[in-house]
Structure formats: C-alpha cells, structure tokens
Amino acid sequence: MAAVKPIEALKALFDHIEGPAYARIRQSIEQLVADGEWQAGLTLPSEAEMVDGLGVSRMTANRAMRELTEAGVVERHRGRGTFVAEQKVLSALYEVHDIAAEVLARGKQHHADVIELVSAHATAEEAMRLGVMTHAPIFRSTVLHYEDSLPIQLEQRIINAKLAPQYDQQDLQKHTAHRYLMKAAPMTEGEHLVEAVLPSTEEATLLQIGTEQPCMQIRRRTWANKDIVSATRLLSPGNRFELFGRFGAN
C-alpha cells in the first residue's frame, strides 16, 4: 500500500476540525506530530500545496506555519522548505526527577546504555565536589539515556561510596541511578548550575549530533542531610530538551 502523502494526511484532519482555517491547519499539524505520524525531519506541504489542497488563501497558510514555527513545532529553512522540528523534552527546573519516569509519562520508551560503572578513589577535584578526603572511596558512572531510539541525555556521576555502598552493583540499564540513590540516601537538598556548552567530539558521537550543536549542561549536587551524596553532569542536545520552572513573588 502506498504511503499517504503529507497533504492528504493534512486534509483528512483539516476537513474534520471546526474554526478558522489557519487554526484548523495548525491543529491538524500539531496532532499529526503529537501522534507520531509525522516524525522530526519530515518535509511539510508547501504553502502553495495547502492553497491547492485545502482551498485556503496563501495568507491563511502563511499564518498557520508562522505560528507553528514560533511554537517550535516546525522549522522553516529558506530555499529548502518547512520540516517537522525535533520536539523538546520538558523537564522541571526546580525538582529532581527520574528520567525514565519522565520518558514513560510522555508515552515513550526509555532505555539506557551503561558506558562506565566503576569503583575508584577520589581525585582532588572529585573530593572537593563531594566534600570528602582525597582518595576516599567513590563510584563513577556514565550512562546514555534514550527516548525511543533518540539519545536525549548523557549522565556522568560521581558517588560517595560510604553513603551509597551498593551503587556499583546496580543494573543501571534496568533501573536509573536516581531510583537507587533515593532509597540508599534520600535527598534532602540539591543545587543546579545550568549552562549552554558545545559537546566534545566523543559526546557529540554518543548523542548523535554535530560538535557545533549547542547543548544544555546541568551540573547538580545532592545532599542527604549534611553529606553530599552525588555530583552529576547532565548533557542534552539543546534542540531536544528544555527546562521549566514556576515561581511566585515572596
């Protein structure tokens, strides 16, 4: 069976939605993207195709595409066309969540590749980050998290081995580090530092992006009472991840 052409899929939804024509185009495209029928990188019908296929004006088609571009649903490239954009993962800024649970909550599949999980002795820099003595026992781990088949986060951790003594025995492909640490040394306090950075060549390869692709880096430390449990670096492609926080006046 031949694949449905994008303009035909768009028209099938457009004809069954009420409201102004520009809003019907926008809602139709948003639904096709949200349902996974239109994946990132798909070339959308041109404004001329919408005029002919949907019976709308060029101004109407232009308004719908402009609003979709502003919302981050599509990307427009002069001379090349309009494409479905990579949809950003939304994560809470002021909370520490289990990334696997976040992915599953979005109706996607989570899996992880464990790149490193070793016991070691803290270097001077690691000791300072964890608030322990140099050469104190620690664990190091590097895990690459996926949403469906797309890598969305590279997680690098160092752990105070005295507070989480069985960390190196965990199956981090099956259960996240967050899940174990919240049982072994429940977090009472945390801190974030968020920065925009460029990935190294190795990091870009793991995340399946170019070295010129901006990334969001989060440096996080968590405490259990007065002791630092872990120091973590999280690296995500900027076009796949965003943070959200809500706050009020004191």
Protein backbone atom coordinates (compact mmCIF):
# COMPACT_ATOMS: atom_id res chain seq x y z
CA MET A 1 0.00 0.00 0.00
CA ALA A 2 1.35 3.42 -1.00
CA ALA A 3 2.18 5.82 1.82
CA VAL A 4 -0.29 8.64 2.40
CA LYS A 5 1.07 11.90 1.03
CA PRO A 6 1.53 14.64 3.67
CA ILE A 7 -1.03 16.94 2.02
CA GLU A 8 -3.59 14.09 2.02
CA ALA A 9 -2.99 13.32 5.71
CA LEU A 10 -3.29 17.02 6.49
CA LYS A 11 -6.54 17.38 4.53
CA ALA A 12 -8.09 14.34 6.25
CA LEU A 13 -7.80 16.08 9.62
CA PHE A 14 -8.38 19.63 8.35
CA ASP A 15 -11.81 18.67 6.97
CA HIS A 16 -13.00 17.43 10.37
CA ILE A 17 -11.90 20.35 12.56
CA GLU A 18 -14.02 23.42 13.16
CA GLY A 19 -12.84 27.00 13.49
CA PRO A 20 -10.83 29.49 11.44
CA ALA A 21 -8.89 27.90 8.59
CA TYR A 22 -5.46 28.90 9.94
CA ALA A 23 -6.28 27.31 13.32
CA ARG A 24 -7.51 24.13 11.59
CA ILE A 25 -4.21 23.82 9.72
CA ARG A 26 -2.24 24.37 12.90
CA GLN A 27 -4.28 21.91 14.97
CA SER A 28 -4.07 19.27 12.21
CA ILE A 29 -0.28 19.51 12.01
CA GLU A 30 0.10 19.54 15.81
CA GLN A 31 -1.98 16.37 16.02
CA LEU A 32 -0.03 14.59 13.28
CA VAL A 33 3.22 15.41 15.09
CA ALA A 34 1.90 14.54 18.57
CA ASP A 35 0.53 11.18 17.33
CA GLY A 36 3.91 10.33 15.82
CA GLU A 37 2.57 10.10 12.28
CA TRP A 38 4.86 12.95 11.25
CA GLN A 39 8.38 12.48 12.59
CA ALA A 40 11.15 15.05 13.02
CA GLY A 41 12.70 15.96 9.68
CA LEU A 42 9.60 15.26 7.59
CA THR A 43 9.09 17.81 4.81
CA LEU A 44 5.72 19.52 5.21
CA PRO A 45 3.44 20.55 2.33
CA SER A 46 4.37 23.95 0.96
CA GLU A 47 2.04 26.92 1.30
CA ALA A 48 1.21 26.55 -2.40
CA GLU A 49 0.21 22.91 -1.82
CA MET A 50 -2.02 23.97 1.06
CA VAL A 51 -3.68 26.59 -1.11
CA ASP A 52 -4.48 23.98 -3.77
CA GLY A 53 -5.15 21.00 -1.50
CA LEU A 54 -7.08 22.68 1.33
CA GLY A 55 -8.74 25.51 -0.56
CA VAL A 56 -7.31 28.22 1.70
CA SER A 57 -5.62 31.51 0.93
CA ARG A 58 -1.85 31.94 0.88
CA MET A 59 -2.18 34.37 3.80
CA THR A 60 -4.03 31.74 5.83
CA ALA A 61 -1.42 29.06 5.17
CA ASN A 62 1.37 31.51 5.98
CA ARG A 63 -0.18 32.46 9.32
CA ALA A 64 -0.59 28.82 10.35
CA MET A 65 3.03 27.99 9.51
CA ARG A 66 4.31 31.14 11.20
CA GLU A 67 2.53 30.22 14.44
CA LEU A 68 3.78 26.63 14.27
CA THR A 69 7.33 27.90 13.77
CA GLU A 70 7.05 30.21 16.77
CA ALA A 71 5.72 27.30 18.85
CA GLY A 72 8.71 25.15 17.87
CA VAL A 73 6.61 22.50 16.12
CA VAL A 74 8.17 23.12 12.70
CA GLU A 75 11.35 24.65 11.31
CA ARG A 76 11.42 26.79 8.17
CA HIS A 77 14.57 26.98 6.05
CA ARG A 78 14.70 29.50 3.23
CA GLY A 79 15.15 27.76 -0.10
CA ARG A 80 14.71 24.29 1.39
CA GLY A 81 11.20 24.16 2.82
CA THR A 82 9.46 23.52 6.13
CA PHE A 83 10.19 20.49 8.30
CA VAL A 84 8.89 18.89 11.48
CA ALA A 85 11.20 20.08 14.27
CA GLU A 86 12.81 17.93 16.93
CA GLN A 87 10.30 18.07 19.79
CA LYS A 88 11.95 19.21 23.01
CA VAL A 89 11.77 17.20 26.18
CA LEU A 90 10.32 19.24 29.05
CA SER A 91 11.87 18.78 32.47
CA ALA A 92 11.31 20.54 35.77
CA LEU A 93 13.96 23.08 36.73
CA TYR A 94 13.49 23.09 40.49
CA GLU A 95 12.93 19.37 41.02
CA VAL A 96 14.99 16.21 40.58
CA HIS A 97 13.05 13.57 38.71
CA ASP A 98 13.70 10.06 37.45
CA ILE A 99 14.36 10.49 33.72
CA ALA A 100 12.91 7.04 32.97
CA ALA A 101 9.65 8.00 34.67
CA GLU A 102 9.55 11.29 32.72
CA VAL A 103 10.01 9.48 29.42
CA LEU A 104 7.34 6.88 30.24
CA ALA A 105 4.94 9.65 31.31
CA ARG A 106 5.21 11.07 27.79
CA GLY A 107 4.13 7.74 26.35
CA LYS A 108 7.63 6.91 25.08
CA GLN A 109 10.06 4.09 25.79
CA HIS A 110 13.16 4.62 27.92
CA HIS A 111 16.33 2.62 27.73
CA ALA A 112 19.93 3.29 28.69
CA ASP A 113 23.45 2.30 27.70
CA VAL A 114 25.92 2.00 30.59
CA ILE A 115 29.23 3.33 29.32
CA GLU A 116 31.08 3.18 32.65
CA LEU A 117 30.39 1.95 36.18
CA VAL A 118 33.50 1.60 38.35
CA SER A 119 34.73 1.98 41.91
CA ALA A 120 37.65 4.36 42.38
CA HIS A 121 39.44 6.70 44.76
CA ALA A 122 38.58 10.38 44.59
CA THR A 123 40.93 12.72 42.81
CA ALA A 124 41.50 16.13 44.40
CA GLU A 125 38.84 17.67 42.16
CA GLU A 126 36.31 14.89 42.83
CA ALA A 127 36.98 15.09 46.57
CA MET A 128 36.23 18.80 46.52
CA ARG A 129 32.97 18.27 44.62
CA LEU A 130 31.82 15.55 47.03
CA GLY A 131 33.15 17.12 50.21
CA VAL A 132 35.31 14.10 51.07
CA MET A 133 39.02 13.46 51.54
CA THR A 134 41.26 12.90 48.55
CA HIS A 135 41.50 9.15 47.79
CA ALA A 136 38.20 8.48 49.59
CA PRO A 137 36.20 5.60 48.02
CA ILE A 138 33.79 6.74 45.32
CA PHE A 139 31.91 5.34 42.33
CA ARG A 140 31.94 6.77 38.82
CA SER A 141 29.24 6.13 36.24
CA THR A 142 28.43 7.32 32.74
CA VAL A 143 25.01 6.47 31.28
CA LEU A 144 23.41 7.45 27.98
CA HIS A 145 19.61 7.78 28.18
CA TYR A 146 17.28 7.32 25.22
CA GLU A 147 13.70 8.30 24.47
CA ASP A 148 12.58 5.65 21.99
CA SER A 149 15.61 5.46 19.67
CA LEU A 150 16.85 9.01 20.24
CA PRO A 151 19.62 9.78 22.78
CA ILE A 152 18.44 12.67 24.94
CA GLN A 153 20.84 12.84 27.87
CA LEU A 154 24.40 11.87 28.79
CA GLU A 155 24.66 11.41 32.56
CA GLN A 156 28.04 11.42 34.34
CA ARG A 157 28.07 10.86 38.11
CA ILE A 158 30.47 10.53 40.98
CA ILE A 159 29.04 8.99 44.17
CA ASN A 160 30.14 9.00 47.79
CA ALA A 161 30.62 5.25 48.29
CA LYS A 162 30.07 5.45 52.05
CA LEU A 163 26.56 6.82 51.55
CA ALA A 164 25.57 4.52 48.66
CA PRO A 165 27.74 1.41 49.18
CA GLN A 166 25.96 -0.84 46.66
CA TYR A 167 25.90 1.62 43.78
CA ASP A 168 28.35 -0.38 41.67
CA GLN A 169 26.10 -3.45 41.99
CA GLN A 170 23.10 -1.74 40.39
CA ASP A 171 21.83 -2.62 36.91
CA LEU A 172 21.69 0.91 35.52
CA GLN A 173 20.22 -0.35 32.27
CA LYS A 174 17.20 -1.65 34.16
CA HIS A 175 16.90 0.99 36.90
CA THR A 176 18.18 4.56 36.95
CA ALA A 177 20.80 5.80 39.39
CA HIS A 178 18.18 8.20 40.76
CA ARG A 179 15.95 5.31 41.80
CA TYR A 180 18.67 3.60 43.86
CA LEU A 181 20.08 6.79 45.37
CA MET A 182 16.68 7.95 46.60
CA LYS A 183 16.46 4.68 48.56
CA ALA A 184 20.05 4.50 49.77
CA ALA A 185 20.48 8.16 50.73
CA PRO A 186 17.23 10.10 50.24
CA MET A 187 17.89 13.63 49.01
CA THR A 188 17.20 16.47 51.43
CA GLU A 189 18.77 19.26 49.37
CA GLY A 190 20.12 19.89 45.88
CA GLU A 191 21.69 22.52 43.67
CA HIS A 192 21.75 23.13 39.90
CA LEU A 193 24.04 25.07 37.63
CA VAL A 194 22.67 25.34 34.06
CA GLU A 195 24.91 26.34 31.16
CA ALA A 196 24.95 26.30 27.36
CA VAL A 197 28.00 24.42 26.05
CA LEU A 198 29.33 22.69 22.95
CA PRO A 199 29.90 18.92 23.15
CA SER A 200 33.25 17.24 22.76
CA THR A 201 33.75 15.01 19.73
CA GLU A 202 33.10 11.91 21.85
CA GLU A 203 29.97 13.42 23.43
CA ALA A 204 28.63 14.50 20.05
CA THR A 205 29.08 10.97 18.72
CA LEU A 206 27.20 9.46 21.66
CA LEU A 207 24.36 11.98 21.38
CA GLN A 208 24.23 11.62 17.58
CA ILE A 209 24.74 15.32 16.92
CA GLY A 210 27.41 17.55 15.42
CA THR A 211 30.10 19.18 17.52
CA GLU A 212 28.63 22.57 16.55
CA GLN A 213 25.24 21.66 18.09
CA PRO A 214 24.63 23.67 21.30
CA CYS A 215 23.87 21.55 24.35
CA MET A 216 22.35 22.23 27.73
CA GLN A 217 24.60 21.22 30.59
CA ILE A 218 23.34 20.80 34.14
CA ARG A 219 25.82 20.38 36.99
CA ARG A 220 23.97 19.06 40.02
CA ARG A 221 24.89 18.08 43.54
CA THR A 222 22.55 16.39 46.01
CA TRP A 223 22.75 16.11 49.78
CA ALA A 224 21.40 13.70 52.37
CA ASN A 225 21.28 15.89 55.46
CA LYS A 226 24.78 17.41 55.72
CA ASP A 227 26.57 14.98 53.40
CA ILE A 228 26.94 15.28 49.63
CA VAL A 229 25.72 12.07 48.03
CA SER A 230 26.46 12.70 44.37
CA ALA A 231 27.82 15.21 41.89
CA THR A 232 26.33 14.86 38.43
CA ARG A 233 26.84 16.35 35.00
CA LEU A 234 23.90 16.05 32.61
CA LEU A 235 24.38 16.92 28.93
CA SER A 236 21.47 17.15 26.48
CA PRO A 237 21.16 18.43 22.91
CA GLY A 238 19.61 21.89 23.08
CA ASN A 239 17.03 21.06 20.41
CA ARG A 240 15.75 18.03 22.33
CA PHE A 241 15.49 19.32 25.88
CA GLU A 242 14.22 22.33 27.80
CA LEU A 243 13.71 23.22 31.46
CA PHE A 244 10.59 24.59 33.04
CA GLY A 245 10.17 26.26 36.41
CA ARG A 246 7.28 28.08 38.02
CA PHE A 247 7.74 30.54 40.85
CA GLY A 248 5.96 33.31 42.66
CA ALA A 249 6.82 36.54 44.47
CA ASN A 250 7.87 36.27 48.10
